[in-house]
Amino acid sequence: MKKTPLEAVHLALGARMVPFGGWSMPVQYAGILEEARAVRERAGLFDLGHMGRVHVSGGDAEAFLQRLQTNNAAAIPAGKIRYAMILDAEGRTQDDILVYREPASPGFFVVVNAGNTDRDLGIMRSLAAGFRDLRLVDQTADLAMIAIQGPAAERIARSVTDIDLPAIKYYSWARGKVMGAPGAMSRTGYTGEDGFEMYVPNAVAVPLWNKLMELGEKAGLVPCGLGSRDILRLEAGMPLYGHEIDESTTPLDAGLEFGVKFDHDFVGRAALERVKAAGGPSRKLVGLVTESRRVPRQGYDVVHGGRVVGKVCSGGASPTLGKHIATAYVPRELAEPGTALEFAIKDKTEAATVAPLPFYKRGR
């Protein structure tokens, strides 16, 4: 089991540790719902050291990324970030990723999911054989990744860096000093709240975490685990690999076409174009809201008129909405908000209603 540089900090804080994507990670500290509320109302601090981090450089870096992933790497301005997917030849999702163009030098930085890092690196290295001037550097083991999320995030984080945080807009990033060491900060996150993801050398991880906790004490900053991160991203309608997206889904199924640009030749493009030409996918990812005391969990059948029409992808108790929510793939004709469906638990069903995604959007 791999461990992030913050393992000892988590144990000292009383975190419950679980295996996740091959890593030992904190799932919760004080409690999942309490941590989620803190992020919505104040701020939360997350260890993201399990995520994969790859630097891509060389004269062929842009051409390589154009082939690797679905967004248009050539159109990413310096210092900007784009959401994209890696597909196979049939258009099936191998992973969803973030592609960063360097702010002030040639090259790119790619963040991938923890459980898919080895496979993604294999795909990258195989594809790289067709490019002469290309360098791929796996920085996962060398860089710590910490996120601060919530309304108070910027105010707390200003004191640990010389980067002008107010100048960094959403899905932008900059390099500079973080705790006096070379680092980077991006205005990104997986919670639906404002905040930053920070990349620093491993040796800086513990001092940075402790300093942020000290600075954020009066603002109500709390350490947060994977459990609260999961319900926050579900409320914000953000997909999780292995739940809303996997090798059985395409970006078109999942409503992620905003991360697909058909103006370059990426792996899987022809397959997606065939789906579009045939009128689009036969199913759609939707939100479900239920007043039931039962929580719809991943794998539960979704039922309409006594017939199974889909399965729950993710589900949980939403502290923001005060009810239980879920996502599921259903036939397009049942995807209209307000449609009455059910989810099955053993030998009985519970009522649910199709709801638009996201369930929660900051400021609304």
Protein backbone atom coordinates (compact mmCIF):
# COMPACT_ATOMS: atom_id res chain seq x y z
CA MET A 1 0.00 0.00 0.00
CA LYS A 2 1.47 3.35 -1.04
CA LYS A 3 1.50 6.18 1.49
CA THR A 4 1.46 9.92 0.92
CA PRO A 5 3.90 12.22 2.77
CA LEU A 6 1.00 13.14 5.08
CA GLU A 7 0.31 9.64 6.42
CA ALA A 8 1.63 10.37 9.91
CA VAL A 9 -0.33 13.64 10.06
CA HIS A 10 -3.58 11.83 9.28
CA LEU A 11 -2.94 9.21 11.95
CA ALA A 12 -2.13 11.89 14.53
CA LEU A 13 -5.42 13.61 13.71
CA GLY A 14 -7.33 10.37 14.31
CA ALA A 15 -8.31 9.79 10.69
CA ARG A 16 -9.86 6.48 9.68
CA MET A 17 -7.57 5.16 6.97
CA VAL A 18 -8.72 2.97 4.07
CA PRO A 19 -7.12 1.53 0.93
CA PHE A 20 -8.04 3.53 -2.17
CA GLY A 21 -6.51 3.09 -5.63
CA GLY A 22 -3.51 1.35 -4.10
CA TRP A 23 -2.95 4.09 -1.52
CA SER A 24 -3.56 4.42 2.22
CA MET A 25 -5.94 7.39 2.45
CA PRO A 26 -8.09 9.08 5.13
CA VAL A 27 -11.79 8.47 4.55
CA GLN A 28 -12.92 10.70 7.45
CA TYR A 29 -11.80 12.54 10.58
CA ALA A 30 -14.70 13.96 12.64
CA GLY A 31 -17.39 12.66 10.30
CA ILE A 32 -18.28 12.73 6.60
CA LEU A 33 -21.34 14.98 6.79
CA GLU A 34 -19.69 17.39 9.22
CA GLU A 35 -16.67 17.70 6.94
CA ALA A 36 -18.86 18.27 3.88
CA ARG A 37 -20.79 21.03 5.66
CA ALA A 38 -17.52 22.69 6.67
CA VAL A 39 -16.43 22.87 3.02
CA ARG A 40 -19.74 24.38 1.92
CA GLU A 41 -19.77 26.94 4.76
CA ARG A 42 -16.10 27.56 5.63
CA ALA A 43 -13.17 25.50 4.31
CA GLY A 44 -11.73 22.00 4.21
CA LEU A 45 -8.24 20.62 3.64
CA PHE A 46 -7.67 17.47 1.56
CA ASP A 47 -4.66 15.23 0.91
CA LEU A 48 -4.70 14.38 -2.82
CA GLY A 49 -1.33 12.67 -2.90
CA HIS A 50 -2.90 9.56 -4.44
CA MET A 51 -3.66 11.32 -7.74
CA GLY A 52 -1.31 10.67 -10.67
CA ARG A 53 0.83 13.57 -11.93
CA VAL A 54 2.71 13.49 -15.25
CA HIS A 55 4.78 16.21 -16.91
CA VAL A 56 4.80 16.24 -20.72
CA SER A 57 7.39 18.25 -22.63
CA GLY A 58 9.36 18.38 -25.88
CA GLY A 59 8.61 19.63 -29.37
CA ASP A 60 5.98 16.92 -29.90
CA ALA A 61 4.19 17.42 -26.57
CA GLU A 62 1.21 19.22 -28.04
CA ALA A 63 0.81 16.78 -30.95
CA PHE A 64 1.06 13.86 -28.52
CA LEU A 65 -1.68 15.28 -26.30
CA GLN A 66 -3.89 15.97 -29.29
CA ARG A 67 -3.83 12.27 -30.06
CA LEU A 68 -4.04 11.09 -26.42
CA GLN A 69 -7.08 12.96 -25.16
CA THR A 70 -10.39 14.48 -26.21
CA ASN A 71 -9.91 18.21 -25.62
CA ASN A 72 -8.02 20.51 -27.98
CA ALA A 73 -4.58 20.87 -26.40
CA ALA A 74 -3.54 23.35 -29.10
CA ALA A 75 -6.28 25.73 -27.96
CA ILE A 76 -5.30 25.75 -24.27
CA PRO A 77 -3.76 29.16 -23.43
CA ALA A 78 -0.67 29.36 -21.23
CA GLY A 79 -1.62 28.97 -17.58
CA LYS A 80 -5.03 27.43 -18.34
CA ILE A 81 -6.49 23.99 -17.63
CA ARG A 82 -8.95 21.82 -19.53
CA TYR A 83 -11.01 18.77 -18.58
CA ALA A 84 -10.66 15.83 -20.97
CA MET A 85 -10.86 12.06 -21.29
CA ILE A 86 -8.61 9.28 -22.50
CA LEU A 87 -10.60 6.86 -24.67
CA ASP A 88 -9.98 3.57 -26.42
CA ALA A 89 -10.60 3.07 -30.14
CA GLU A 90 -14.28 2.31 -29.45
CA GLY A 91 -14.79 5.62 -27.63
CA ARG A 92 -14.98 4.00 -24.20
CA THR A 93 -13.64 5.99 -21.27
CA GLN A 94 -10.29 4.88 -19.89
CA ASP A 95 -9.98 7.87 -17.56
CA ASP A 96 -10.96 11.50 -17.10
CA ILE A 97 -8.04 13.89 -16.67
CA LEU A 98 -7.02 17.52 -16.32
CA VAL A 99 -4.57 18.97 -18.86
CA TYR A 100 -2.54 22.01 -17.73
CA ARG A 101 -0.52 24.11 -20.16
CA GLU A 102 2.60 25.52 -18.49
CA PRO A 103 2.13 29.20 -17.50
CA ALA A 104 5.49 30.56 -18.67
CA SER A 105 7.39 27.77 -20.46
CA PRO A 106 6.73 25.08 -23.06
CA GLY A 107 5.11 21.88 -21.88
CA PHE A 108 2.08 20.45 -20.12
CA PHE A 109 1.13 18.90 -16.79
CA VAL A 110 -1.50 16.13 -16.64
CA VAL A 111 -3.40 14.97 -13.54
CA VAL A 112 -5.02 11.52 -13.67
CA ASN A 113 -7.03 9.34 -11.28
CA ALA A 114 -5.22 7.30 -8.63
CA GLY A 115 -6.57 3.88 -9.57
CA ASN A 116 -5.85 4.48 -13.26
CA THR A 117 -2.35 5.96 -12.98
CA ASP A 118 -0.46 2.83 -14.01
CA ARG A 119 -2.82 2.13 -16.92
CA ASP A 120 -2.75 5.75 -18.06
CA LEU A 121 1.04 5.75 -17.99
CA GLY A 122 1.01 2.56 -20.04
CA ILE A 123 -1.28 4.15 -22.61
CA MET A 124 0.89 7.27 -22.69
CA ARG A 125 4.15 5.36 -23.10
CA SER A 126 2.73 3.16 -25.83
CA LEU A 127 1.44 6.18 -27.75
CA ALA A 128 4.69 8.09 -27.14
CA ALA A 129 6.59 5.56 -29.28
CA GLY A 130 5.23 7.35 -32.35
CA PHE A 131 6.75 10.72 -31.37
CA ARG A 132 10.45 11.61 -31.54
CA ASP A 133 10.76 14.77 -29.43
CA LEU A 134 8.77 13.89 -26.34
CA ARG A 135 9.48 13.51 -22.65
CA LEU A 136 7.07 11.96 -20.15
CA VAL A 137 8.01 12.31 -16.48
CA ASP A 138 5.91 10.59 -13.82
CA GLN A 139 6.04 13.04 -10.89
CA THR A 140 3.51 11.19 -8.71
CA ALA A 141 6.13 9.95 -6.23
CA ASP A 142 7.94 13.29 -6.04
CA LEU A 143 5.16 15.87 -5.70
CA ALA A 144 2.64 16.19 -2.89
CA MET A 145 -0.84 17.41 -3.82
CA ILE A 146 -3.03 19.22 -1.28
CA ALA A 147 -6.39 20.92 -1.86
CA ILE A 148 -8.07 23.66 0.16
CA GLN A 149 -11.73 24.12 -0.71
CA GLY A 150 -14.51 26.39 0.50
CA PRO A 151 -15.55 30.05 0.76
CA ALA A 152 -12.60 30.88 3.03
CA ALA A 153 -10.00 29.01 0.95
CA GLU A 154 -8.37 31.98 -0.77
CA ARG A 155 -8.17 34.05 2.40
CA ILE A 156 -6.45 31.20 4.26
CA ALA A 157 -4.05 30.21 1.46
CA ARG A 158 -2.73 33.69 0.61
CA SER A 159 -0.14 33.62 3.38
CA VAL A 160 1.64 30.43 2.23
CA THR A 161 2.61 31.58 -1.27
CA ASP A 162 3.97 34.46 -3.33
CA ILE A 163 1.50 33.57 -6.11
CA ASP A 164 -1.17 36.21 -6.69
CA LEU A 165 -4.18 34.04 -5.85
CA PRO A 166 -6.90 36.62 -6.69
CA ALA A 167 -5.41 36.85 -10.19
CA ILE A 168 -5.85 33.10 -10.77
CA LYS A 169 -9.25 32.54 -12.33
CA TYR A 170 -11.20 29.27 -12.34
CA TYR A 171 -9.35 26.52 -14.23
CA SER A 172 -6.13 28.53 -14.28
CA TRP A 173 -2.82 27.96 -12.52
CA ALA A 174 0.54 29.52 -11.74
CA ARG A 175 3.98 28.50 -10.55
CA GLY A 176 5.79 30.27 -7.72
CA LYS A 177 6.93 29.74 -4.16
CA VAL A 178 4.76 27.76 -1.75
CA MET A 179 6.10 27.65 1.81
CA GLY A 180 9.30 29.07 0.34
CA ALA A 181 9.80 26.14 -2.06
CA PRO A 182 9.13 25.90 -5.83
CA GLY A 183 5.51 24.87 -6.29
CA ALA A 184 2.29 25.50 -8.17
CA MET A 185 -1.33 26.34 -7.36
CA SER A 186 -4.41 25.88 -9.52
CA ARG A 187 -7.94 27.22 -9.00
CA THR A 188 -9.53 23.82 -9.36
CA GLY A 189 -11.23 21.29 -7.12
CA TYR A 190 -13.64 18.40 -6.85
CA THR A 191 -16.21 19.86 -4.46
CA GLY A 192 -18.18 22.50 -6.34
CA GLU A 193 -16.68 25.20 -4.11
CA ASP A 194 -13.99 27.79 -4.73
CA GLY A 195 -10.51 26.69 -3.79
CA PHE A 196 -7.04 25.65 -4.85
CA GLU A 197 -5.03 22.52 -5.51
CA MET A 198 -1.37 22.85 -4.52
CA TYR A 199 1.63 20.95 -5.88
CA VAL A 200 4.79 21.00 -3.76
CA PRO A 201 7.87 18.82 -3.15
CA ASN A 202 7.19 16.00 -0.70
CA ALA A 203 9.39 17.62 1.95
CA VAL A 204 7.08 20.65 2.02
CA ALA A 205 3.83 18.68 2.44
CA VAL A 206 3.75 18.45 6.24
CA PRO A 207 4.85 22.06 6.93
CA LEU A 208 2.31 23.29 4.35
CA TRP A 209 -0.54 21.23 5.83
CA ASN A 210 0.27 22.34 9.39
CA LYS A 211 0.60 26.00 8.40
CA LEU A 212 -2.74 25.98 6.58
CA MET A 213 -4.43 24.35 9.57
CA GLU A 214 -2.92 27.03 11.83
CA LEU A 215 -3.94 29.89 9.53
CA GLY A 216 -7.42 28.47 9.07
CA GLU A 217 -8.23 27.74 12.70
CA LYS A 218 -10.24 30.93 13.25
CA ALA A 219 -11.99 30.53 9.89
CA GLY A 220 -13.18 27.04 10.82
CA LEU A 221 -10.91 25.06 8.47
CA VAL A 222 -11.12 21.29 9.05
CA PRO A 223 -9.22 18.28 7.64
CA CYS A 224 -11.39 16.31 5.23
CA GLY A 225 -11.29 12.75 3.92
CA LEU A 226 -12.39 10.87 0.83
CA GLY A 227 -15.90 10.37 2.20
CA SER A 228 -16.78 14.07 2.30
CA ARG A 229 -15.02 14.65 -1.01
CA ASP A 230 -17.24 12.00 -2.58
CA ILE A 231 -20.55 13.48 -1.40
CA LEU A 232 -19.39 17.01 -2.29
CA ARG A 233 -18.49 16.00 -5.86
CA LEU A 234 -21.80 14.10 -6.14
CA GLU A 235 -23.77 17.18 -5.07
CA ALA A 236 -21.80 19.17 -7.66
CA GLY A 237 -22.59 16.62 -10.40
CA MET A 238 -18.94 15.69 -10.98
CA PRO A 239 -18.31 12.16 -12.28
CA LEU A 240 -16.09 9.62 -10.53
CA TYR A 241 -14.29 6.93 -12.48
CA GLY A 242 -15.69 3.54 -11.56
CA HIS A 243 -19.10 5.09 -10.86
CA GLU A 244 -20.51 7.50 -13.48
CA ILE A 245 -17.77 6.73 -16.01
CA ASP A 246 -15.80 3.60 -16.80
CA GLU A 247 -14.89 1.33 -19.72
CA SER A 248 -18.60 0.72 -20.44
CA THR A 249 -19.40 4.43 -20.95
CA THR A 250 -18.57 7.09 -23.51
CA PRO A 251 -18.34 10.86 -22.83
CA LEU A 252 -21.59 11.24 -24.77
CA ASP A 253 -23.42 8.85 -22.43
CA ALA A 254 -22.21 10.80 -19.41
CA GLY A 255 -23.07 14.28 -20.73
CA LEU A 256 -19.37 15.22 -20.84
CA GLU A 257 -19.27 16.47 -24.41
CA PHE A 258 -17.96 19.83 -23.15
CA GLY A 259 -14.64 18.03 -22.67
CA VAL A 260 -14.63 16.66 -26.24
CA LYS A 261 -13.53 18.74 -29.22
CA PHE A 262 -14.01 17.10 -32.60
CA ASP A 263 -11.48 19.39 -34.29
CA HIS A 264 -8.48 17.08 -33.81
CA ASP A 265 -7.72 13.39 -34.31
CA PHE A 266 -7.86 11.81 -30.84
CA VAL A 267 -8.12 8.09 -30.17
CA GLY A 268 -11.83 7.15 -30.20
CA ARG A 269 -13.03 10.14 -32.22
CA ALA A 270 -14.42 8.05 -35.11
CA ALA A 271 -16.43 5.89 -32.69
CA LEU A 272 -18.01 8.95 -31.05
CA GLU A 273 -18.83 10.44 -34.44
CA ARG A 274 -20.67 7.26 -35.38
CA VAL A 275 -22.77 7.52 -32.19
CA LYS A 276 -23.59 11.17 -32.95
CA ALA A 277 -24.49 10.35 -36.56
CA ALA A 278 -26.89 7.65 -35.34
CA GLY A 279 -28.78 10.19 -33.22
CA GLY A 280 -26.77 10.03 -30.00
CA PRO A 281 -26.58 7.52 -27.14
CA SER A 282 -29.67 5.56 -26.14
CA ARG A 283 -29.19 6.36 -22.45
CA LYS A 284 -28.46 9.43 -20.35
CA LEU A 285 -26.89 10.08 -16.97
CA VAL A 286 -29.42 11.72 -14.64
CA GLY A 287 -29.76 12.77 -11.03
CA LEU A 288 -32.19 11.09 -8.66
CA VAL A 289 -33.69 12.62 -5.52
CA THR A 290 -35.64 10.60 -2.99
CA GLU A 291 -37.57 11.38 0.17
CA SER A 292 -37.01 7.79 1.30
CA ARG A 293 -35.05 7.10 4.46
CA ARG A 294 -33.15 4.49 2.43
CA VAL A 295 -30.04 5.64 0.56
CA PRO A 296 -29.78 4.59 -3.12
CA ARG A 297 -26.34 2.96 -3.40
CA GLN A 298 -24.14 2.04 -6.35
CA GLY A 299 -25.43 -1.04 -8.13
CA TYR A 300 -29.06 -0.80 -7.00
CA ASP A 301 -31.56 -1.39 -9.80
CA VAL A 302 -33.53 1.58 -11.11
CA VAL A 303 -37.12 0.58 -11.90
CA HIS A 304 -39.93 2.05 -14.00
CA GLY A 305 -43.30 0.38 -14.47
CA GLY A 306 -42.06 -2.79 -12.79
CA ARG A 307 -39.15 -3.06 -15.25
CA VAL A 308 -35.44 -2.57 -14.49
CA VAL A 309 -34.29 0.37 -16.64
CA GLY A 310 -30.87 1.14 -15.15
CA LYS A 311 -28.57 1.01 -12.16
CA VAL A 312 -27.46 3.54 -9.58
CA CYS A 313 -23.94 4.85 -10.22
CA SER A 314 -23.41 6.84 -6.99
CA GLY A 315 -25.62 7.68 -4.05
CA GLY A 316 -25.48 9.24 -0.62
CA ALA A 317 -26.96 11.51 1.99
CA SER A 318 -26.68 15.13 0.89
CA PRO A 319 -26.04 17.49 3.82
CA THR A 320 -26.59 20.48 1.54
CA LEU A 321 -29.98 19.38 0.18
CA GLY A 322 -31.09 17.58 3.33
CA LYS A 323 -32.17 14.49 1.39
CA HIS A 324 -30.74 11.46 -0.36
CA ILE A 325 -29.39 11.80 -3.89
CA ALA A 326 -27.98 9.54 -6.58
CA THR A 327 -26.95 9.31 -10.22
CA ALA A 328 -28.03 6.66 -12.70
CA TYR A 329 -28.11 5.89 -16.40
CA VAL A 330 -31.65 5.59 -17.76
CA PRO A 331 -33.17 5.43 -21.25
CA ARG A 332 -33.38 8.87 -22.89
CA GLU A 333 -37.18 8.81 -22.81
CA LEU A 334 -37.07 8.58 -18.98
CA ALA A 335 -34.45 11.29 -18.47
CA GLU A 336 -36.77 14.31 -18.23
CA PRO A 337 -36.59 16.04 -14.82
CA GLY A 338 -39.64 15.19 -12.75
CA THR A 339 -39.98 11.66 -14.14
CA ALA A 340 -41.06 9.24 -11.39
CA LEU A 341 -38.78 6.24 -10.96
CA GLU A 342 -37.92 3.78 -8.21
CA PHE A 343 -34.79 2.16 -6.86
CA ALA A 344 -34.82 -1.40 -5.61
CA ILE A 345 -33.51 -2.61 -2.26
CA LYS A 346 -33.74 -6.38 -1.97
CA ASP A 347 -37.42 -7.24 -2.47
CA LYS A 348 -38.93 -3.75 -2.28
CA THR A 349 -38.69 -0.44 -4.13
CA GLU A 350 -38.44 3.17 -3.01
CA ALA A 351 -39.73 6.20 -4.91
CA ALA A 352 -37.30 8.60 -6.58
CA THR A 353 -37.59 11.51 -8.99
CA VAL A 354 -35.31 12.47 -11.88
CA ALA A 355 -33.52 15.73 -11.09
CA PRO A 356 -31.24 17.91 -13.23
CA LEU A 357 -27.49 17.77 -12.65
CA PRO A 358 -25.74 19.26 -10.82
CA PHE A 359 -27.76 19.02 -7.65
CA TYR A 360 -25.78 21.94 -6.23
CA LYS A 361 -24.05 24.90 -7.84
CA ARG A 362 -22.15 27.52 -5.89
CA GLY A 363 -24.24 30.68 -5.50
CA ARG A 364 -27.47 28.86 -6.25
